[in-house]
């Protein structure tokens, strides 16, 4: 992959890739934990594990969690869009 801008592209870490995948899977309309598991290619039976696993994203202000549903916060949306742009994926 070549990058023509003067600024070198920052290659994302595995953790950042996982965060971006979750933010993208939650999407603009949000989703429940079992739907999120399915969107990530996991069994719906893993919904509680997925919900527990992304608590750090809720505490970090990237997602809101209400009644077993997740929604992107403005901060989460901005991070996702910015990184997708930087990586040439949008």
PDB file of N, CA and C in Angstrom:
ATOM      1  N   UNK A   1       0.860  -1.171   0.000  1.00  0.00           N
ATOM      2  CA  UNK A   1       0.000   0.000   0.000  1.00  0.00           C
ATOM      3  C   UNK A   1       0.902   1.229   0.000  1.00  0.00           C
ATOM      4  N   UNK A   2       0.691   2.117  -0.957  1.00  0.00           N
ATOM      5  CA  UNK A   2       1.484   3.336  -1.003  1.00  0.00           C
ATOM      6  C   UNK A   2       0.662   4.495  -0.471  1.00  0.00           C
ATOM      7  N   UNK A   3       1.372   5.467   0.041  1.00  0.00           N
ATOM      8  CA  UNK A   3       0.731   6.638   0.612  1.00  0.00           C
ATOM      9  C   UNK A   3       1.443   7.849   0.034  1.00  0.00           C
ATOM     10  N   UNK A   4       0.717   8.717  -0.663  1.00  0.00           N
ATOM     11  CA  UNK A   4       1.352   9.807  -1.392  1.00  0.00           C
ATOM     12  C   UNK A   4       1.446  11.111  -0.611  1.00  0.00           C
ATOM     13  N   UNK A   5       0.760  11.242   0.496  1.00  0.00           N
ATOM     14  CA  UNK A   5       0.849  12.473   1.286  1.00  0.00           C
ATOM     15  C   UNK A   5       2.232  12.592   1.904  1.00  0.00           C
ATOM     16  N   UNK A   6       2.586  13.813   2.296  1.00  0.00           N
ATOM     17  CA  UNK A   6       3.875  14.042   2.927  1.00  0.00           C
ATOM     18  C   UNK A   6       3.952  13.361   4.288  1.00  0.00           C
ATOM     19  N   UNK A   7       2.860  13.316   5.016  1.00  0.00           N
ATOM     20  CA  UNK A   7       2.839  12.693   6.325  1.00  0.00           C
ATOM     21  C   UNK A   7       2.777  11.185   6.173  1.00  0.00           C
ATOM     22  N   UNK A   8       3.663  10.473   6.868  1.00  0.00           N
ATOM     23  CA  UNK A   8       3.604   9.010   6.774  1.00  0.00           C
ATOM     24  C   UNK A   8       2.332   8.486   7.432  1.00  0.00           C
ATOM     25  N   UNK A   9       1.794   7.413   6.883  1.00  0.00           N
ATOM     26  CA  UNK A   9       0.592   6.815   7.441  1.00  0.00           C
ATOM     27  C   UNK A   9       0.956   6.077   8.731  1.00  0.00           C
ATOM     28  N   UNK A  10       0.149   6.254   9.732  1.00  0.00           N
ATOM     29  CA  UNK A  10       0.336   5.558  11.003  1.00  0.00           C
ATOM     30  C   UNK A  10      -0.354   4.203  10.897  1.00  0.00           C
ATOM     31  N   UNK A  11       0.426   3.134  10.896  1.00  0.00           N
ATOM     32  CA  UNK A  11      -0.123   1.785  10.788  1.00  0.00           C
ATOM     33  C   UNK A  11      -0.796   1.441  12.112  1.00  0.00           C
ATOM     34  N   UNK A  12      -2.071   1.044  12.058  1.00  0.00           N
ATOM     35  CA  UNK A  12      -2.790   0.772  13.303  1.00  0.00           C
ATOM     36  C   UNK A  12      -2.300  -0.507  13.977  1.00  0.00           C
ATOM     37  N   UNK A  13      -2.345  -0.487  15.297  1.00  0.00           N
ATOM     38  CA  UNK A  13      -2.022  -1.672  16.086  1.00  0.00           C
ATOM     39  C   UNK A  13      -3.208  -2.631  16.057  1.00  0.00           C
ATOM     40  N   UNK A  14      -2.994  -3.822  16.547  1.00  0.00           N
ATOM     41  CA  UNK A  14      -4.093  -4.796  16.612  1.00  0.00           C
ATOM     42  C   UNK A  14      -5.243  -4.254  17.461  1.00  0.00           C
ATOM     43  N   UNK A  15      -4.905  -3.636  18.585  1.00  0.00           N
ATOM     44  CA  UNK A  15      -5.939  -3.071  19.445  1.00  0.00           C
ATOM     45  C   UNK A  15      -6.742  -1.988  18.746  1.00  0.00           C
ATOM     46  N   UNK A  16      -6.059  -1.141  17.976  1.00  0.00           N
ATOM     47  CA  UNK A  16      -6.767  -0.091  17.253  1.00  0.00           C
ATOM     48  C   UNK A  16      -7.646  -0.689  16.158  1.00  0.00           C
ATOM     49  N   UNK A  17      -7.151  -1.716  15.487  1.00  0.00           N
ATOM     50  CA  UNK A  17      -7.945  -2.386  14.458  1.00  0.00           C
ATOM     51  C   UNK A  17      -9.215  -2.957  15.084  1.00  0.00           C
ATOM     52  N   UNK A  18      -9.085  -3.595  16.240  1.00  0.00           N
ATOM     53  CA  UNK A  18     -10.249  -4.151  16.924  1.00  0.00           C
ATOM     54  C   UNK A  18     -11.240  -3.050  17.303  1.00  0.00           C
ATOM     55  N   UNK A  19     -10.724  -1.936  17.795  1.00  0.00           N
ATOM     56  CA  UNK A  19     -11.587  -0.806  18.157  1.00  0.00           C
ATOM     57  C   UNK A  19     -12.318  -0.281  16.932  1.00  0.00           C
ATOM     58  N   UNK A  20     -11.602  -0.090  15.832  1.00  0.00           N
ATOM     59  CA  UNK A  20     -12.229   0.405  14.606  1.00  0.00           C
ATOM     60  C   UNK A  20     -13.282  -0.569  14.085  1.00  0.00           C
ATOM     61  N   UNK A  21     -13.008  -1.869  14.183  1.00  0.00           N
ATOM     62  CA  UNK A  21     -13.982  -2.878  13.747  1.00  0.00           C
ATOM     63  C   UNK A  21     -15.258  -2.800  14.572  1.00  0.00           C
ATOM     64  N   UNK A  22     -15.118  -2.650  15.878  1.00  0.00           N
ATOM     65  CA  UNK A  22     -16.299  -2.548  16.745  1.00  0.00           C
ATOM     66  C   UNK A  22     -17.069  -1.276  16.440  1.00  0.00           C
ATOM     67  N   UNK A  23     -16.381  -0.145  16.325  1.00  0.00           N
ATOM     68  CA  UNK A  23     -17.072   1.113  16.024  1.00  0.00           C
ATOM     69  C   UNK A  23     -17.812   1.014  14.695  1.00  0.00           C
ATOM     70  N   UNK A  24     -17.171   0.433  13.707  1.00  0.00           N
ATOM     71  CA  UNK A  24     -17.809   0.281  12.398  1.00  0.00           C
ATOM     72  C   UNK A  24     -19.012  -0.660  12.497  1.00  0.00           C
ATOM     73  N   UNK A  25     -18.874  -1.752  13.248  1.00  0.00           N
ATOM     74  CA  UNK A  25     -19.967  -2.719  13.392  1.00  0.00           C
ATOM     75  C   UNK A  25     -21.160  -2.126  14.136  1.00  0.00           C
ATOM     76  N   UNK A  26     -20.922  -1.294  15.128  1.00  0.00           N
ATOM     77  CA  UNK A  26     -22.022  -0.643  15.848  1.00  0.00           C
ATOM     78  C   UNK A  26     -22.802   0.240  14.874  1.00  0.00           C
ATOM     79  N   UNK A  27     -22.079   0.931  14.023  1.00  0.00           N
ATOM     80  CA  UNK A  27     -22.718   1.729  12.979  1.00  0.00           C
ATOM     81  C   UNK A  27     -23.442   2.952  13.484  1.00  0.00           C
ATOM     82  N   UNK A  28     -23.988   3.703  12.562  1.00  0.00           N
ATOM     83  CA  UNK A  28     -24.641   4.969  12.904  1.00  0.00           C
ATOM     84  C   UNK A  28     -25.966   4.784  13.623  1.00  0.00           C
ATOM     85  N   UNK A  29     -26.604   3.631  13.438  1.00  0.00           N
ATOM     86  CA  UNK A  29     -27.896   3.412  14.093  1.00  0.00           C
ATOM     87  C   UNK A  29     -27.773   2.694  15.425  1.00  0.00           C
ATOM     88  N   UNK A  30     -26.568   2.215  15.771  1.00  0.00           N
ATOM     89  CA  UNK A  30     -26.380   1.482  17.014  1.00  0.00           C
ATOM     90  C   UNK A  30     -26.923   0.072  16.904  1.00  0.00           C
ATOM     91  N   UNK A  31     -26.732  -0.710  17.955  1.00  0.00           N
ATOM     92  CA  UNK A  31     -27.239  -2.082  17.943  1.00  0.00           C
ATOM     93  C   UNK A  31     -27.194  -2.680  19.341  1.00  0.00           C
ATOM     94  N   UNK A  32     -27.908  -3.777  19.496  1.00  0.00           N
ATOM     95  CA  UNK A  32     -27.902  -4.535  20.744  1.00  0.00           C
ATOM     96  C   UNK A  32     -26.680  -5.454  20.742  1.00  0.00           C
ATOM     97  N   UNK A  33     -26.337  -5.968  21.911  1.00  0.00           N
ATOM     98  CA  UNK A  33     -25.133  -6.786  22.055  1.00  0.00           C
ATOM     99  C   UNK A  33     -25.182  -8.034  21.177  1.00  0.00           C
ATOM    100  N   UNK A  34     -26.335  -8.692  21.077  1.00  0.00           N
ATOM    101  CA  UNK A  34     -26.390  -9.906  20.254  1.00  0.00           C
ATOM    102  C   UNK A  34     -26.229  -9.570  18.769  1.00  0.00           C
ATOM    103  N   UNK A  35     -26.754  -8.424  18.333  1.00  0.00           N
ATOM    104  CA  UNK A  35     -26.558  -7.990  16.949  1.00  0.00           C
ATOM    105  C   UNK A  35     -25.099  -7.625  16.695  1.00  0.00           C
ATOM    106  N   UNK A  36     -24.480  -7.007  17.677  1.00  0.00           N
ATOM    107  CA  UNK A  36     -23.073  -6.642  17.535  1.00  0.00           C
ATOM    108  C   UNK A  36     -22.209  -7.893  17.385  1.00  0.00           C
ATOM    109  N   UNK A  37     -22.486  -8.892  18.197  1.00  0.00           N
ATOM    110  CA  UNK A  37     -21.740 -10.150  18.072  1.00  0.00           C
ATOM    111  C   UNK A  37     -21.871 -10.707  16.656  1.00  0.00           C
ATOM    112  N   UNK A  38     -23.086 -10.725  16.137  1.00  0.00           N
ATOM    113  CA  UNK A  38     -23.315 -11.243  14.784  1.00  0.00           C
ATOM    114  C   UNK A  38     -22.604 -10.387  13.736  1.00  0.00           C
ATOM    115  N   UNK A  39     -22.662  -9.065  13.897  1.00  0.00           N
ATOM    116  CA  UNK A  39     -21.988  -8.172  12.943  1.00  0.00           C
ATOM    117  C   UNK A  39     -20.485  -8.383  12.937  1.00  0.00           C
ATOM    118  N   UNK A  40     -19.952  -8.835  14.073  1.00  0.00           N
ATOM    119  CA  UNK A  40     -18.522  -9.114  14.175  1.00  0.00           C
ATOM    120  C   UNK A  40     -18.174 -10.531  13.733  1.00  0.00           C
ATOM    121  N   UNK A  41     -19.203 -11.281  13.282  1.00  0.00           N
ATOM    122  CA  UNK A  41     -18.977 -12.634  12.809  1.00  0.00           C
ATOM    123  C   UNK A  41     -18.934 -13.673  13.911  1.00  0.00           C
ATOM    124  N   UNK A  42     -19.498 -13.324  15.067  1.00  0.00           N
ATOM    125  CA  UNK A  42     -19.509 -14.230  16.211  1.00  0.00           C
ATOM    126  C   UNK A  42     -20.914 -14.743  16.459  1.00  0.00           C
ATOM    127  N   UNK A  43     -21.016 -15.802  17.206  1.00  0.00           N
ATOM    128  CA  UNK A  43     -22.305 -16.353  17.580  1.00  0.00           C
ATOM    129  C   UNK A  43     -23.031 -15.385  18.521  1.00  0.00           C
ATOM    130  N   UNK A  44     -24.346 -15.285  18.368  1.00  0.00           N
ATOM    131  CA  UNK A  44     -25.147 -14.435  19.251  1.00  0.00           C
ATOM    132  C   UNK A  44     -25.055 -14.904  20.693  1.00  0.00           C
ATOM    133  N   UNK A  45     -24.689 -16.166  20.904  1.00  0.00           N
ATOM    134  CA  UNK A  45     -24.539 -16.662  22.279  1.00  0.00           C
ATOM    135  C   UNK A  45     -23.371 -15.993  22.991  1.00  0.00           C
ATOM    136  N   UNK A  46     -22.510 -15.315  22.238  1.00  0.00           N
ATOM    137  CA  UNK A  46     -21.376 -14.604  22.830  1.00  0.00           C
ATOM    138  C   UNK A  46     -21.686 -13.136  23.117  1.00  0.00           C
ATOM    139  N   UNK A  47     -22.942 -12.755  23.049  1.00  0.00           N
ATOM    140  CA  UNK A  47     -23.330 -11.351  23.239  1.00  0.00           C
ATOM    141  C   UNK A  47     -22.842 -10.786  24.567  1.00  0.00           C
ATOM    142  N   UNK A  48     -22.975 -11.539  25.644  1.00  0.00           N
ATOM    143  CA  UNK A  48     -22.554 -11.015  26.947  1.00  0.00           C
ATOM    144  C   UNK A  48     -21.037 -10.859  27.011  1.00  0.00           C
ATOM    145  N   UNK A  49     -20.319 -11.754  26.356  1.00  0.00           N
ATOM    146  CA  UNK A  49     -18.853 -11.660  26.311  1.00  0.00           C
ATOM    147  C   UNK A  49     -18.439 -10.435  25.504  1.00  0.00           C
ATOM    148  N   UNK A  50     -19.106 -10.212  24.385  1.00  0.00           N
ATOM    149  CA  UNK A  50     -18.826  -9.037  23.555  1.00  0.00           C
ATOM    150  C   UNK A  50     -19.123  -7.766  24.349  1.00  0.00           C
ATOM    151  N   UNK A  51     -20.269  -7.725  25.006  1.00  0.00           N
ATOM    152  CA  UNK A  51     -20.641  -6.542  25.799  1.00  0.00           C
ATOM    153  C   UNK A  51     -19.604  -6.272  26.888  1.00  0.00           C
ATOM    154  N   UNK A  52     -19.173  -7.313  27.545  1.00  0.00           N
ATOM    155  CA  UNK A  52     -18.153  -7.155  28.587  1.00  0.00           C
ATOM    156  C   UNK A  52     -16.827  -6.695  27.979  1.00  0.00           C
ATOM    157  N   UNK A  53     -16.488  -7.237  26.829  1.00  0.00           N
ATOM    158  CA  UNK A  53     -15.217  -6.921  26.184  1.00  0.00           C
ATOM    159  C   UNK A  53     -15.096  -5.494  25.690  1.00  0.00           C
ATOM    160  N   UNK A  54     -16.218  -4.845  25.423  1.00  0.00           N
ATOM    161  CA  UNK A  54     -16.133  -3.467  24.915  1.00  0.00           C
ATOM    162  C   UNK A  54     -16.462  -2.423  25.986  1.00  0.00           C
ATOM    163  N   UNK A  55     -16.516  -2.858  27.234  1.00  0.00           N
ATOM    164  CA  UNK A  55     -16.753  -1.898  28.319  1.00  0.00           C
ATOM    165  C   UNK A  55     -15.725  -0.779  28.314  1.00  0.00           C
ATOM    166  N   UNK A  56     -14.479  -1.101  27.979  1.00  0.00           N
ATOM    167  CA  UNK A  56     -13.434  -0.067  27.959  1.00  0.00           C
ATOM    168  C   UNK A  56     -13.761   1.027  26.946  1.00  0.00           C
ATOM    169  N   UNK A  57     -14.474   0.668  25.875  1.00  0.00           N
ATOM    170  CA  UNK A  57     -14.854   1.661  24.875  1.00  0.00           C
ATOM    171  C   UNK A  57     -15.975   2.555  25.392  1.00  0.00           C
ATOM    172  N   UNK A  58     -16.825   1.990  26.237  1.00  0.00           N
ATOM    173  CA  UNK A  58     -17.873   2.786  26.878  1.00  0.00           C
ATOM    174  C   UNK A  58     -17.227   3.734  27.885  1.00  0.00           C
ATOM    175  N   UNK A  59     -16.349   3.198  28.728  1.00  0.00           N
ATOM    176  CA  UNK A  59     -15.658   4.029  29.723  1.00  0.00           C
ATOM    177  C   UNK A  59     -14.773   5.075  29.066  1.00  0.00           C
ATOM    178  N   UNK A  60     -14.243   4.760  27.898  1.00  0.00           N
ATOM    179  CA  UNK A  60     -13.390   5.697  27.168  1.00  0.00           C
ATOM    180  C   UNK A  60     -14.151   6.742  26.375  1.00  0.00           C
ATOM    181  N   UNK A  61     -15.485   6.671  26.388  1.00  0.00           N
ATOM    182  CA  UNK A  61     -16.298   7.679  25.724  1.00  0.00           C
ATOM    183  C   UNK A  61     -16.498   7.469  24.239  1.00  0.00           C
ATOM    184  N   UNK A  62     -16.148   6.293  23.713  1.00  0.00           N
ATOM    185  CA  UNK A  62     -16.340   6.029  22.291  1.00  0.00           C
ATOM    186  C   UNK A  62     -17.727   5.482  21.987  1.00  0.00           C
ATOM    187  N   UNK A  63     -18.327   4.809  22.967  1.00  0.00           N
ATOM    188  CA  UNK A  63     -19.663   4.236  22.835  1.00  0.00           C
ATOM    189  C   UNK A  63     -20.502   4.600  24.048  1.00  0.00           C
ATOM    190  N   UNK A  64     -21.806   4.679  23.838  1.00  0.00           N
ATOM    191  CA  UNK A  64     -22.772   4.774  24.931  1.00  0.00           C
ATOM    192  C   UNK A  64     -23.437   3.421  25.049  1.00  0.00           C
ATOM    193  N   UNK A  65     -23.761   3.030  26.267  1.00  0.00           N
ATOM    194  CA  UNK A  65     -24.463   1.767  26.509  1.00  0.00           C
ATOM    195  C   UNK A  65     -25.736   2.059  27.283  1.00  0.00           C
ATOM    196  N   UNK A  66     -26.884   1.689  26.680  1.00  0.00           N
ATOM    197  CA  UNK A  66     -28.182   1.890  27.317  1.00  0.00           C
ATOM    198  C   UNK A  66     -29.033   0.659  27.052  1.00  0.00           C
ATOM    199  N   UNK A  67     -29.509   0.020  28.115  1.00  0.00           N
ATOM    200  CA  UNK A  67     -30.401  -1.139  27.990  1.00  0.00           C
ATOM    201  C   UNK A  67     -29.869  -2.194  27.022  1.00  0.00           C
ATOM    202  N   UNK A  68     -28.630  -2.611  27.208  1.00  0.00           N
ATOM    203  CA  UNK A  68     -28.014  -3.661  26.389  1.00  0.00           C
ATOM    204  C   UNK A  68     -27.834  -3.253  24.927  1.00  0.00           C
ATOM    205  N   UNK A  69     -27.922  -1.962  24.640  1.00  0.00           N
ATOM    206  CA  UNK A  69     -27.681  -1.448  23.290  1.00  0.00           C
ATOM    207  C   UNK A  69     -26.474  -0.523  23.317  1.00  0.00           C
ATOM    208  N   UNK A  70     -25.788  -0.470  22.198  1.00  0.00           N
ATOM    209  CA  UNK A  70     -24.613   0.396  22.074  1.00  0.00           C
ATOM    210  C   UNK A  70     -24.827   1.389  20.951  1.00  0.00           C
ATOM    211  N   UNK A  71     -24.352   2.596  21.164  1.00  0.00           N
ATOM    212  CA  UNK A  71     -24.413   3.656  20.153  1.00  0.00           C
ATOM    213  C   UNK A  71     -23.077   4.377  20.142  1.00  0.00           C
ATOM    214  N   UNK A  72     -22.683   4.810  18.940  1.00  0.00           N
ATOM    215  CA  UNK A  72     -21.481   5.620  18.831  1.00  0.00           C
ATOM    216  C   UNK A  72     -21.698   6.962  19.498  1.00  0.00           C
ATOM    217  N   UNK A  73     -20.722   7.427  20.227  1.00  0.00           N
ATOM    218  CA  UNK A  73     -20.746   8.797  20.718  1.00  0.00           C
ATOM    219  C   UNK A  73     -20.176   9.677  19.610  1.00  0.00           C
ATOM    220  N   UNK A  74     -20.270  10.960  19.778  1.00  0.00           N
ATOM    221  CA  UNK A  74     -19.665  11.869  18.799  1.00  0.00           C
ATOM    222  C   UNK A  74     -18.161  11.623  18.733  1.00  0.00           C
ATOM    223  N   UNK A  75     -17.549  11.407  19.882  1.00  0.00           N
ATOM    224  CA  UNK A  75     -16.111  11.129  19.924  1.00  0.00           C
ATOM    225  C   UNK A  75     -15.782   9.837  19.157  1.00  0.00           C
ATOM    226  N   UNK A  76     -16.581   8.798  19.349  1.00  0.00           N
ATOM    227  CA  UNK A  76     -16.368   7.537  18.649  1.00  0.00           C
ATOM    228  C   UNK A  76     -16.522   7.689  17.147  1.00  0.00           C
ATOM    229  N   UNK A  77     -17.537   8.433  16.731  1.00  0.00           N
ATOM    230  CA  UNK A  77     -17.786   8.673  15.303  1.00  0.00           C
ATOM    231  C   UNK A  77     -16.617   9.449  14.685  1.00  0.00           C
ATOM    232  N   UNK A  78     -16.159  10.474  15.387  1.00  0.00           N
ATOM    233  CA  UNK A  78     -15.042  11.279  14.879  1.00  0.00           C
ATOM    234  C   UNK A  78     -13.772  10.449  14.751  1.00  0.00           C
ATOM    235  N   UNK A  79     -13.485   9.623  15.751  1.00  0.00           N
ATOM    236  CA  UNK A  79     -12.297   8.772  15.694  1.00  0.00           C
ATOM    237  C   UNK A  79     -12.381   7.810  14.512  1.00  0.00           C
ATOM    238  N   UNK A  80     -13.520   7.164  14.349  1.00  0.00           N
ATOM    239  CA  UNK A  80     -13.700   6.212  13.258  1.00  0.00           C
ATOM    240  C   UNK A  80     -13.510   6.883  11.904  1.00  0.00           C
ATOM    241  N   UNK A  81     -14.173   7.996  11.681  1.00  0.00           N
ATOM    242  CA  UNK A  81     -14.084   8.684  10.391  1.00  0.00           C
ATOM    243  C   UNK A  81     -12.679   9.195  10.120  1.00  0.00           C
ATOM    244  N   UNK A  82     -12.044   9.750  11.139  1.00  0.00           N
ATOM    245  CA  UNK A  82     -10.690  10.277  10.977  1.00  0.00           C
ATOM    246  C   UNK A  82      -9.723   9.163  10.585  1.00  0.00           C
ATOM    247  N   UNK A  83      -9.769   8.040  11.292  1.00  0.00           N
ATOM    248  CA  UNK A  83      -8.832   6.948  10.998  1.00  0.00           C
ATOM    249  C   UNK A  83      -9.135   6.279   9.664  1.00  0.00           C
ATOM    250  N   UNK A  84     -10.412   6.136   9.330  1.00  0.00           N
ATOM    251  CA  UNK A  84     -10.738   5.574   8.017  1.00  0.00           C
ATOM    252  C   UNK A  84     -10.200   6.462   6.903  1.00  0.00           C
ATOM    253  N   UNK A  85     -10.322   7.788   7.076  1.00  0.00           N
ATOM    254  CA  UNK A  85      -9.758   8.731   6.102  1.00  0.00           C
ATOM    255  C   UNK A  85      -8.253   8.597   6.020  1.00  0.00           C
ATOM    256  N   UNK A  86      -7.591   8.563   7.177  1.00  0.00           N
ATOM    257  CA  UNK A  86      -6.119   8.464   7.208  1.00  0.00           C
ATOM    258  C   UNK A  86      -5.631   7.178   6.547  1.00  0.00           C
ATOM    259  N   UNK A  87      -6.397   6.114   6.698  1.00  0.00           N
ATOM    260  CA  UNK A  87      -6.014   4.830   6.133  1.00  0.00           C
ATOM    261  C   UNK A  87      -6.495   4.648   4.697  1.00  0.00           C
ATOM    262  N   UNK A  88      -7.198   5.670   4.174  1.00  0.00           N
ATOM    263  CA  UNK A  88      -7.692   5.609   2.799  1.00  0.00           C
ATOM    264  C   UNK A  88      -8.807   4.587   2.628  1.00  0.00           C
ATOM    265  N   UNK A  89      -9.599   4.397   3.654  1.00  0.00           N
ATOM    266  CA  UNK A  89     -10.660   3.383   3.638  1.00  0.00           C
ATOM    267  C   UNK A  89     -12.064   3.975   3.561  1.00  0.00           C
ATOM    268  N   UNK A  90     -12.150   5.253   3.315  1.00  0.00           N
ATOM    269  CA  UNK A  90     -13.470   5.872   3.224  1.00  0.00           C
ATOM    270  C   UNK A  90     -13.530   6.757   2.017  1.00  0.00           C
TER     271      UNK A  90
END
